[in-house]
Protein backbone atom coordinates (compact mmCIF):
# COMPACT_ATOMS: atom_id res chain seq x y z
CA MET A 1 0.00 0.00 0.00
CA LYS A 2 1.32 3.45 -0.94
CA ALA A 3 1.19 6.18 1.70
CA LEU A 4 -0.29 9.52 0.66
CA LYS A 5 1.47 12.78 1.40
CA ASP A 6 -0.50 15.64 2.94
CA THR A 7 -0.33 17.45 -0.40
CA ASP A 8 -1.51 14.49 -2.53
CA GLU A 9 -4.83 15.02 -4.31
CA ILE A 10 -7.55 12.50 -3.50
CA LYS A 11 -8.97 11.35 -6.82
CA ASN A 12 -12.34 9.87 -7.65
CA THR A 13 -11.75 7.03 -10.08
CA SER A 14 -15.42 6.20 -10.57
CA PRO A 15 -16.65 6.47 -14.16
CA TYR A 16 -19.76 8.20 -12.78
CA ILE A 17 -20.29 11.77 -11.60
CA GLY A 18 -21.19 11.83 -7.91
CA TYR A 19 -22.47 14.32 -5.37
CA VAL A 20 -18.99 14.93 -3.95
CA ASP A 21 -17.73 15.94 -7.41
CA LEU A 22 -20.14 18.88 -7.42
CA ILE A 23 -19.74 20.19 -3.85
CA GLY A 24 -18.69 23.83 -3.98
CA LYS A 25 -18.99 24.09 -7.76
CA GLY A 26 -22.43 25.76 -7.89
CA ASN A 27 -24.47 25.20 -11.04
CA VAL A 28 -22.70 23.15 -13.70
CA THR A 29 -24.11 23.25 -17.25
CA LEU A 30 -23.38 20.21 -19.41
CA THR A 31 -24.21 19.19 -23.00
CA ILE A 32 -25.61 15.69 -23.54
CA THR A 33 -23.65 13.69 -26.13
CA ASP A 34 -24.95 10.14 -25.55
CA ILE A 35 -27.35 8.06 -23.48
CA GLU A 36 -26.77 4.39 -22.71
CA ASP A 37 -28.88 1.78 -20.96
CA ALA A 38 -27.03 1.01 -17.72
CA SER A 39 -29.55 -1.54 -16.40
CA GLY A 40 -27.69 -4.30 -14.58
CA ASP A 41 -24.30 -2.56 -14.76
CA LYS A 42 -22.23 -2.23 -11.59
CA VAL A 43 -22.68 1.47 -10.85
CA ASP A 44 -20.59 1.78 -7.72
CA GLY A 45 -18.45 -1.31 -8.07
CA VAL A 46 -20.87 -3.36 -5.98
CA ARG A 47 -24.56 -2.94 -6.72
CA GLU A 48 -26.27 -3.41 -10.04
CA ALA A 49 -28.32 -0.60 -11.55
CA LYS A 50 -32.08 -1.10 -11.58
CA LEU A 51 -33.94 -1.85 -14.78
CA GLY A 52 -34.50 1.38 -16.71
CA THR A 53 -31.36 3.11 -15.44
CA TYR A 54 -29.50 5.24 -17.99
CA ALA A 55 -25.98 6.65 -18.11
CA ILE A 56 -25.63 10.06 -19.77
CA SER A 57 -22.36 11.25 -21.35
CA PHE A 58 -21.42 14.93 -21.63
CA LYS A 59 -19.24 16.97 -23.98
CA GLU A 60 -17.61 18.86 -21.11
CA ILE A 61 -16.68 15.72 -19.11
CA PRO A 62 -16.02 13.01 -21.74
CA ASN A 63 -14.61 10.43 -19.31
CA ARG A 64 -17.43 10.56 -16.72
CA LYS A 65 -21.16 9.79 -16.96
CA MET A 66 -24.17 10.57 -14.81
CA ILE A 67 -26.53 7.83 -13.68
CA LEU A 68 -30.12 8.72 -14.47
CA GLN A 69 -33.19 7.11 -12.95
CA GLY A 70 -36.37 8.04 -11.10
CA ARG A 71 -37.27 11.72 -10.84
CA LYS A 72 -34.28 12.94 -12.85
CA LYS A 73 -35.20 10.65 -15.74
CA LYS A 74 -38.87 11.67 -15.65
CA HIS A 75 -37.92 15.35 -15.57
CA LEU A 76 -35.72 15.03 -18.67
CA MET A 77 -38.36 12.97 -20.47
CA ARG A 78 -40.83 15.83 -19.91
CA GLU A 79 -38.25 18.38 -21.07
CA PHE A 80 -36.79 16.58 -24.11
CA GLY A 81 -39.25 13.81 -24.99
CA LYS A 82 -38.99 10.03 -24.98
CA GLN A 83 -36.70 9.66 -28.02
CA LYS A 84 -32.94 9.51 -27.48
CA SER A 85 -32.43 11.82 -30.46
CA GLY A 86 -34.39 14.55 -28.67
CA TRP A 87 -31.85 14.61 -25.83
CA LEU A 88 -28.62 14.76 -27.83
CA GLY A 89 -27.07 18.23 -27.91
CA LYS A 90 -29.39 19.53 -25.16
CA GLN A 91 -27.93 21.21 -22.11
CA ILE A 92 -28.80 20.49 -18.50
CA THR A 93 -27.66 22.25 -15.36
CA ILE A 94 -26.81 20.10 -12.36
CA TYR A 95 -25.80 20.97 -8.81
CA ALA A 96 -25.01 19.37 -5.45
CA ASP A 97 -27.95 19.45 -3.01
CA PRO A 98 -26.92 18.55 0.55
CA HIS A 99 -30.58 18.08 1.56
CA VAL A 100 -31.29 15.02 -0.60
CA LYS A 101 -32.46 12.20 1.65
CA PHE A 102 -31.98 8.44 1.43
CA GLY A 103 -33.50 6.16 4.03
CA GLY A 104 -34.77 9.19 5.93
CA LYS A 105 -31.28 10.68 6.38
CA GLU A 106 -29.76 13.63 4.54
CA VAL A 107 -26.95 12.19 2.44
CA GLY A 108 -26.71 14.76 -0.35
CA GLY A 109 -27.22 14.17 -4.03
CA ILE A 110 -27.27 15.59 -7.52
CA LYS A 111 -30.22 17.66 -8.68
CA ILE A 112 -31.08 18.95 -12.13
CA ALA A 113 -32.07 22.63 -12.24
CA GLY A 114 -35.81 22.90 -12.69
CA GLN A 115 -36.42 19.41 -11.29
CA GLU A 116 -39.35 19.17 -8.87
């Protein structure tokens, strides 16, 4: 095991954008370049994504994707339609929301601007 120096940067090697990546960055506007079906994929190295989970790629962050399911997916379907072609080239604004709850506890999460 390699010891880290106090000045070493802690890197997130996940292929997915997470809440911690957005803390302190404010609103981040991204352009959608692709959407893939991520159902059954290992999204955090351990658990498999639920059926109907998508992974969105962005022009501004080509090596990272955002997992999309539930409310976020429904919001974008209302905004851009149900066809993949309607999403490509569209911009979304995301931000870190520390008040997102999971299991009744505030754990923080990613929100899309305009999402209910």
